[in-house]
Amino acid sequence: MSTDPAAWTCKVETVYREQGRELWALFYAHCCDPERAYDALQESFLRLQAYHGEPIRDVRAWLLRVGRNWLRDVARRKSSSVLPSDRLDDFASDGRKPLQNLEGREQRQ
């Protein structure tokens, strides 16, 4: 890694041009979602651009690890998140059966 920011940016852009398609394909194989694979690719290159740590011996391996970890984090958040649903409020425990709640809602509408 060079200490010159312009040289580092040039190197990152070169790696993106040379390996971006292959990395996207590997991310796609991991998640089966083209948009999410592209997001993983972008996230890994953004992190590479901002990286200021120890020199990276294998940039491709580093990018793969970062992208794979990002995909795992997204999948974990997606599987553990519960989306609120207004329809669940219809089934609140008010002593009536769910079918009665739905019938009453339909009548009000």
N, C-alpha and C. Protein backbone atom coordinates (compact mmCIF):
# COMPACT_ATOMS: atom_id res chain seq x y z
N MET A 1 0.84 -1.17 0.00
CA MET A 1 0.00 0.00 0.00
C MET A 1 0.89 1.23 0.00
N SER A 2 0.56 2.15 -0.84
CA SER A 2 1.33 3.39 -0.94
C SER A 2 0.80 4.41 0.05
N THR A 3 1.70 5.31 0.48
CA THR A 3 1.27 6.37 1.38
C THR A 3 0.65 7.52 0.63
N ASP A 4 0.84 7.56 -0.69
CA ASP A 4 0.28 8.60 -1.54
C ASP A 4 -1.20 8.28 -1.82
N PRO A 5 -2.15 9.13 -1.38
CA PRO A 5 -3.57 8.83 -1.60
C PRO A 5 -3.95 8.69 -3.07
N ALA A 6 -3.36 9.48 -3.93
CA ALA A 6 -3.68 9.39 -5.35
C ALA A 6 -3.22 8.05 -5.93
N ALA A 7 -2.03 7.61 -5.52
CA ALA A 7 -1.51 6.32 -5.99
C ALA A 7 -2.38 5.18 -5.46
N TRP A 8 -2.82 5.28 -4.21
CA TRP A 8 -3.67 4.23 -3.63
C TRP A 8 -5.01 4.17 -4.37
N THR A 9 -5.60 5.33 -4.66
CA THR A 9 -6.86 5.38 -5.40
C THR A 9 -6.69 4.75 -6.78
N CYS A 10 -5.59 5.04 -7.44
CA CYS A 10 -5.30 4.46 -8.75
C CYS A 10 -5.19 2.94 -8.66
N LYS A 11 -4.53 2.46 -7.61
CA LYS A 11 -4.39 1.01 -7.42
C LYS A 11 -5.75 0.35 -7.17
N VAL A 12 -6.58 0.97 -6.34
CA VAL A 12 -7.92 0.43 -6.06
C VAL A 12 -8.74 0.38 -7.34
N GLU A 13 -8.68 1.44 -8.14
CA GLU A 13 -9.42 1.48 -9.40
C GLU A 13 -8.93 0.40 -10.36
N THR A 14 -7.64 0.17 -10.40
CA THR A 14 -7.07 -0.87 -11.25
C THR A 14 -7.56 -2.25 -10.81
N VAL A 15 -7.54 -2.50 -9.53
CA VAL A 15 -8.02 -3.79 -9.00
C VAL A 15 -9.50 -3.95 -9.34
N TYR A 16 -10.28 -2.88 -9.21
CA TYR A 16 -11.71 -2.95 -9.52
C TYR A 16 -11.93 -3.31 -10.99
N ARG A 17 -11.19 -2.64 -11.88
CA ARG A 17 -11.34 -2.93 -13.32
C ARG A 17 -10.93 -4.35 -13.65
N GLU A 18 -9.85 -4.83 -13.04
CA GLU A 18 -9.31 -6.14 -13.37
C GLU A 18 -10.06 -7.30 -12.71
N GLN A 19 -10.59 -7.08 -11.50
CA GLN A 19 -11.15 -8.20 -10.74
C GLN A 19 -12.60 -8.01 -10.32
N GLY A 20 -13.18 -6.87 -10.61
CA GLY A 20 -14.53 -6.58 -10.15
C GLY A 20 -15.57 -7.58 -10.62
N ARG A 21 -15.53 -7.95 -11.89
CA ARG A 21 -16.53 -8.90 -12.42
C ARG A 21 -16.43 -10.26 -11.75
N GLU A 22 -15.20 -10.73 -11.59
CA GLU A 22 -15.00 -12.03 -10.94
C GLU A 22 -15.45 -11.99 -9.48
N LEU A 23 -15.11 -10.92 -8.78
CA LEU A 23 -15.52 -10.80 -7.39
C LEU A 23 -17.04 -10.73 -7.29
N TRP A 24 -17.68 -9.98 -8.20
CA TRP A 24 -19.15 -9.92 -8.20
C TRP A 24 -19.73 -11.32 -8.38
N ALA A 25 -19.17 -12.09 -9.31
CA ALA A 25 -19.67 -13.45 -9.56
C ALA A 25 -19.52 -14.32 -8.32
N LEU A 26 -18.44 -14.18 -7.61
CA LEU A 26 -18.25 -14.97 -6.39
C LEU A 26 -19.23 -14.54 -5.30
N PHE A 27 -19.48 -13.25 -5.18
CA PHE A 27 -20.47 -12.78 -4.22
C PHE A 27 -21.86 -13.24 -4.62
N TYR A 28 -22.14 -13.21 -5.91
CA TYR A 28 -23.45 -13.67 -6.40
C TYR A 28 -23.64 -15.15 -6.08
N ALA A 29 -22.60 -15.94 -6.27
CA ALA A 29 -22.70 -17.37 -5.95
C ALA A 29 -22.97 -17.58 -4.47
N HIS A 30 -22.52 -16.66 -3.66
CA HIS A 30 -22.71 -16.78 -2.21
C HIS A 30 -24.14 -16.41 -1.80
N CYS A 31 -24.76 -15.42 -2.47
CA CYS A 31 -26.07 -14.94 -2.01
C CYS A 31 -27.21 -15.13 -3.00
N CYS A 32 -26.92 -15.42 -4.26
CA CYS A 32 -27.93 -15.62 -5.31
C CYS A 32 -28.83 -14.39 -5.51
N ASP A 33 -28.31 -13.23 -5.28
CA ASP A 33 -29.05 -11.99 -5.47
C ASP A 33 -28.11 -11.00 -6.16
N PRO A 34 -28.38 -10.65 -7.42
CA PRO A 34 -27.44 -9.79 -8.15
C PRO A 34 -27.24 -8.42 -7.51
N GLU A 35 -28.30 -7.84 -6.99
CA GLU A 35 -28.17 -6.52 -6.37
C GLU A 35 -27.37 -6.59 -5.07
N ARG A 36 -27.63 -7.60 -4.28
CA ARG A 36 -26.88 -7.75 -3.03
C ARG A 36 -25.41 -8.05 -3.31
N ALA A 37 -25.14 -8.83 -4.36
CA ALA A 37 -23.76 -9.12 -4.74
C ALA A 37 -23.06 -7.83 -5.16
N TYR A 38 -23.76 -6.99 -5.91
CA TYR A 38 -23.17 -5.70 -6.30
C TYR A 38 -22.93 -4.82 -5.08
N ASP A 39 -23.87 -4.83 -4.13
CA ASP A 39 -23.68 -4.07 -2.89
C ASP A 39 -22.46 -4.57 -2.13
N ALA A 40 -22.27 -5.88 -2.08
CA ALA A 40 -21.11 -6.45 -1.39
C ALA A 40 -19.82 -6.03 -2.08
N LEU A 41 -19.85 -6.02 -3.40
CA LEU A 41 -18.68 -5.59 -4.17
C LEU A 41 -18.35 -4.13 -3.86
N GLN A 42 -19.36 -3.29 -3.91
CA GLN A 42 -19.15 -1.87 -3.63
C GLN A 42 -18.66 -1.64 -2.20
N GLU A 43 -19.27 -2.33 -1.27
CA GLU A 43 -18.87 -2.17 0.14
C GLU A 43 -17.42 -2.60 0.36
N SER A 44 -17.04 -3.70 -0.26
CA SER A 44 -15.66 -4.17 -0.07
C SER A 44 -14.66 -3.20 -0.68
N PHE A 45 -14.98 -2.62 -1.84
CA PHE A 45 -14.06 -1.65 -2.44
C PHE A 45 -14.06 -0.32 -1.69
N LEU A 46 -15.19 0.06 -1.14
CA LEU A 46 -15.20 1.28 -0.32
C LEU A 46 -14.32 1.10 0.92
N ARG A 47 -14.40 -0.07 1.51
CA ARG A 47 -13.56 -0.34 2.68
C ARG A 47 -12.09 -0.43 2.31
N LEU A 48 -11.82 -0.97 1.12
CA LEU A 48 -10.44 -1.01 0.66
C LEU A 48 -9.91 0.40 0.45
N GLN A 49 -10.72 1.25 -0.18
CA GLN A 49 -10.29 2.62 -0.43
C GLN A 49 -9.99 3.36 0.88
N ALA A 50 -10.77 3.09 1.92
CA ALA A 50 -10.61 3.79 3.20
C ALA A 50 -9.58 3.11 4.11
N TYR A 51 -9.05 1.96 3.71
CA TYR A 51 -8.16 1.18 4.57
C TYR A 51 -6.82 1.90 4.77
N HIS A 52 -6.38 1.95 6.03
CA HIS A 52 -5.10 2.58 6.35
C HIS A 52 -4.30 1.72 7.33
N GLY A 53 -4.53 0.41 7.33
CA GLY A 53 -3.86 -0.46 8.28
C GLY A 53 -2.57 -1.04 7.72
N GLU A 54 -2.25 -2.21 8.21
CA GLU A 54 -1.05 -2.93 7.75
C GLU A 54 -1.16 -3.18 6.24
N PRO A 55 -0.03 -3.30 5.57
CA PRO A 55 -0.06 -3.60 4.13
C PRO A 55 -0.83 -4.90 3.85
N ILE A 56 -1.59 -4.90 2.79
CA ILE A 56 -2.39 -6.06 2.41
C ILE A 56 -1.56 -6.91 1.47
N ARG A 57 -1.34 -8.17 1.83
CA ARG A 57 -0.52 -9.05 0.99
C ARG A 57 -1.28 -9.49 -0.25
N ASP A 58 -2.55 -9.86 -0.07
CA ASP A 58 -3.36 -10.35 -1.19
C ASP A 58 -4.67 -9.55 -1.21
N VAL A 59 -4.72 -8.57 -2.08
CA VAL A 59 -5.88 -7.67 -2.13
C VAL A 59 -7.15 -8.43 -2.49
N ARG A 60 -7.05 -9.36 -3.43
CA ARG A 60 -8.24 -10.13 -3.85
C ARG A 60 -8.81 -10.92 -2.68
N ALA A 61 -7.96 -11.60 -1.94
CA ALA A 61 -8.41 -12.37 -0.78
C ALA A 61 -9.01 -11.45 0.28
N TRP A 62 -8.42 -10.30 0.46
CA TRP A 62 -8.93 -9.33 1.44
C TRP A 62 -10.32 -8.88 1.02
N LEU A 63 -10.49 -8.55 -0.26
CA LEU A 63 -11.80 -8.12 -0.75
C LEU A 63 -12.85 -9.22 -0.61
N LEU A 64 -12.46 -10.45 -0.92
CA LEU A 64 -13.39 -11.57 -0.77
C LEU A 64 -13.84 -11.74 0.67
N ARG A 65 -12.90 -11.64 1.59
CA ARG A 65 -13.23 -11.79 3.00
C ARG A 65 -14.16 -10.68 3.46
N VAL A 66 -13.86 -9.44 3.08
CA VAL A 66 -14.70 -8.31 3.48
C VAL A 66 -16.10 -8.45 2.89
N GLY A 67 -16.19 -8.77 1.61
CA GLY A 67 -17.50 -8.92 0.97
C GLY A 67 -18.31 -10.07 1.54
N ARG A 68 -17.64 -11.19 1.78
CA ARG A 68 -18.34 -12.35 2.36
C ARG A 68 -18.85 -12.03 3.76
N ASN A 69 -18.03 -11.36 4.56
CA ASN A 69 -18.47 -10.98 5.90
C ASN A 69 -19.63 -10.00 5.84
N TRP A 70 -19.58 -9.08 4.89
CA TRP A 70 -20.68 -8.12 4.74
C TRP A 70 -21.97 -8.86 4.38
N LEU A 71 -21.89 -9.81 3.46
CA LEU A 71 -23.07 -10.59 3.08
C LEU A 71 -23.62 -11.38 4.27
N ARG A 72 -22.74 -11.95 5.07
CA ARG A 72 -23.19 -12.68 6.26
C ARG A 72 -23.89 -11.75 7.25
N ASP A 73 -23.32 -10.57 7.44
CA ASP A 73 -23.94 -9.61 8.36
C ASP A 73 -25.32 -9.20 7.88
N VAL A 74 -25.45 -8.96 6.58
CA VAL A 74 -26.75 -8.58 6.02
C VAL A 74 -27.75 -9.72 6.19
N ALA A 75 -27.33 -10.94 5.91
CA ALA A 75 -28.22 -12.09 6.06
C ALA A 75 -28.63 -12.28 7.51
N ARG A 76 -27.69 -12.09 8.42
CA ARG A 76 -28.00 -12.22 9.85
C ARG A 76 -29.01 -11.17 10.29
N ARG A 77 -28.79 -9.93 9.87
CA ARG A 77 -29.73 -8.87 10.23
C ARG A 77 -31.11 -9.12 9.62
N LYS A 78 -31.13 -9.60 8.40
CA LYS A 78 -32.40 -9.85 7.73
C LYS A 78 -33.17 -10.98 8.41
N SER A 79 -32.47 -12.04 8.79
CA SER A 79 -33.16 -13.18 9.40
C SER A 79 -33.58 -12.90 10.84
N SER A 80 -32.88 -12.00 11.51
CA SER A 80 -33.22 -11.75 12.91
C SER A 80 -34.15 -10.55 13.09
N SER A 81 -34.38 -9.83 12.02
CA SER A 81 -35.26 -8.67 12.16
C SER A 81 -36.72 -9.09 12.03
N VAL A 82 -37.54 -8.43 12.78
CA VAL A 82 -38.97 -8.67 12.72
C VAL A 82 -39.62 -7.40 12.21
N LEU A 83 -40.32 -7.53 11.13
CA LEU A 83 -40.96 -6.37 10.56
C LEU A 83 -42.30 -6.14 11.25
N PRO A 84 -42.57 -4.92 11.66
CA PRO A 84 -43.87 -4.67 12.28
C PRO A 84 -44.99 -4.83 11.25
N SER A 85 -46.10 -5.31 11.71
CA SER A 85 -47.23 -5.51 10.82
C SER A 85 -48.48 -4.95 11.45
N ASP A 86 -49.11 -4.07 10.72
CA ASP A 86 -50.38 -3.50 11.19
C ASP A 86 -51.45 -4.57 11.30
N ARG A 87 -51.34 -5.58 10.46
CA ARG A 87 -52.35 -6.64 10.49
C ARG A 87 -52.31 -7.43 11.79
N LEU A 88 -51.15 -7.51 12.43
CA LEU A 88 -51.07 -8.25 13.69
C LEU A 88 -51.88 -7.55 14.78
N ASP A 89 -52.03 -6.23 14.67
CA ASP A 89 -52.83 -5.51 15.65
C ASP A 89 -54.29 -5.96 15.61
N ASP A 90 -54.74 -6.45 14.43
CA ASP A 90 -56.11 -6.93 14.31
C ASP A 90 -56.36 -8.16 15.16
N PHE A 91 -55.30 -8.85 15.50
CA PHE A 91 -55.44 -10.09 16.25
C PHE A 91 -55.14 -9.92 17.73
N ALA A 92 -55.18 -8.70 18.19
CA ALA A 92 -54.93 -8.45 19.61
C ALA A 92 -55.95 -9.20 20.45
N SER A 93 -55.55 -9.58 21.61
CA SER A 93 -56.40 -10.37 22.48
C SER A 93 -57.50 -9.49 23.09
N ASP A 94 -58.64 -9.47 22.40
CA ASP A 94 -59.77 -8.73 22.94
C ASP A 94 -60.95 -9.67 23.21
N GLY A 95 -60.67 -10.94 23.26
CA GLY A 95 -61.70 -11.91 23.57
C GLY A 95 -62.40 -12.46 22.34
N ARG A 96 -62.19 -11.83 21.19
CA ARG A 96 -62.84 -12.32 19.98
C ARG A 96 -61.87 -13.20 19.20
N LYS A 97 -62.42 -14.04 18.37
CA LYS A 97 -61.60 -14.90 17.52
C LYS A 97 -61.08 -14.08 16.34
N PRO A 98 -59.95 -14.48 15.77
CA PRO A 98 -59.39 -13.73 14.64
C PRO A 98 -60.37 -13.54 13.49
N LEU A 99 -61.16 -14.54 13.20
CA LEU A 99 -62.13 -14.42 12.11
C LEU A 99 -63.14 -13.32 12.41
N GLN A 100 -63.56 -13.24 13.66
CA GLN A 100 -64.49 -12.17 14.05
C GLN A 100 -63.84 -10.80 13.89
N ASN A 101 -62.57 -10.68 14.25
CA ASN A 101 -61.86 -9.42 14.08
C ASN A 101 -61.81 -9.00 12.62
N LEU A 102 -61.50 -9.97 11.73
CA LEU A 102 -61.43 -9.66 10.30
C LEU A 102 -62.79 -9.27 9.74
N GLU A 103 -63.83 -9.99 10.16
CA GLU A 103 -65.17 -9.67 9.69
C GLU A 103 -65.58 -8.25 10.13
N GLY A 104 -65.25 -7.93 11.38
CA GLY A 104 -65.57 -6.59 11.88
C GLY A 104 -64.80 -5.51 11.13
N ARG A 105 -63.56 -5.79 10.81
CA ARG A 105 -62.75 -4.82 10.06
C ARG A 105 -63.31 -4.62 8.67
N GLU A 106 -63.69 -5.72 8.01
CA GLU A 106 -64.26 -5.61 6.67
C GLU A 106 -65.55 -4.83 6.68
N GLN A 107 -66.36 -5.03 7.68
CA GLN A 107 -67.62 -4.30 7.78
C GLN A 107 -67.38 -2.81 7.98
N ARG A 108 -66.38 -2.47 8.80
CA ARG A 108 -66.07 -1.05 9.03
C ARG A 108 -65.55 -0.39 7.76
N GLN A 109 -64.84 -1.11 6.94
CA GLN A 109 -64.30 -0.54 5.72
C GLN A 109 -65.39 -0.37 4.69
